[in-house]
Protein backbone atom coordinates (compact mmCIF):
# COMPACT_ATOMS: atom_id res chain seq x y z
CA MET A 1 50.87 55.21 -47.23
CA LEU A 2 51.79 58.39 -49.09
CA ASP A 3 54.68 60.55 -48.05
CA GLU A 4 54.18 64.22 -47.28
CA ALA A 5 55.58 65.45 -50.61
CA ILE A 6 52.97 63.47 -52.55
CA ARG A 7 50.18 64.57 -50.21
CA ARG A 8 51.28 68.20 -50.62
CA ARG A 9 51.38 67.99 -54.43
CA LEU A 10 47.94 66.39 -54.62
CA THR A 11 46.51 68.96 -52.23
CA GLU A 12 48.06 71.80 -54.24
CA ARG A 13 46.62 70.34 -57.44
CA PHE A 14 43.13 69.37 -56.24
CA GLY A 15 42.68 71.58 -53.20
CA ALA A 16 41.13 70.70 -49.86
CA ARG A 17 38.78 68.18 -51.45
CA ALA A 18 41.77 65.84 -51.85
CA MET A 19 42.28 65.52 -48.09
CA PRO A 20 39.34 63.16 -47.33
CA TRP A 21 40.34 61.01 -50.31
CA LEU A 22 43.96 60.86 -49.12
CA ASP A 23 42.88 60.11 -45.55
CA GLY A 24 40.70 57.22 -46.73
CA LEU A 25 43.27 55.78 -49.09
CA PRO A 26 44.92 53.31 -46.66
CA ALA A 27 41.58 51.68 -45.82
CA ARG A 28 40.56 51.47 -49.47
CA ALA A 29 43.92 50.00 -50.49
CA ALA A 30 43.73 47.43 -47.69
CA ALA A 31 40.19 46.46 -48.66
CA LEU A 32 41.14 46.03 -52.32
CA ALA A 33 44.27 44.07 -51.41
CA ALA A 34 42.18 41.68 -49.32
CA ARG A 35 39.57 41.37 -52.07
CA TRP A 36 42.22 40.64 -54.70
CA GLN A 37 44.23 38.43 -52.31
CA MET A 38 47.28 40.66 -52.55
CA ALA A 39 49.78 41.77 -49.93
CA LEU A 40 50.76 45.42 -49.66
CA ALA A 41 54.41 46.19 -48.92
CA SER A 42 56.04 49.32 -47.65
CA ARG A 43 58.80 51.03 -49.63
CA ARG A 44 60.61 52.08 -46.46
C-alpha cells in the first residue's frame, strides 16, 4: 500500500512504533473501504 520511501520517512519520524501501524494499514484500509462501500485502487 505504501512505498518504501513513505514507510522510511514515517519510521524515521515516529520510530519503531510506526512499524506495526504500517503493517496493519492494508487490512484497516480494506475494512474501511468495505464498510463505506468504496473500492481501493492502486497508483501503479
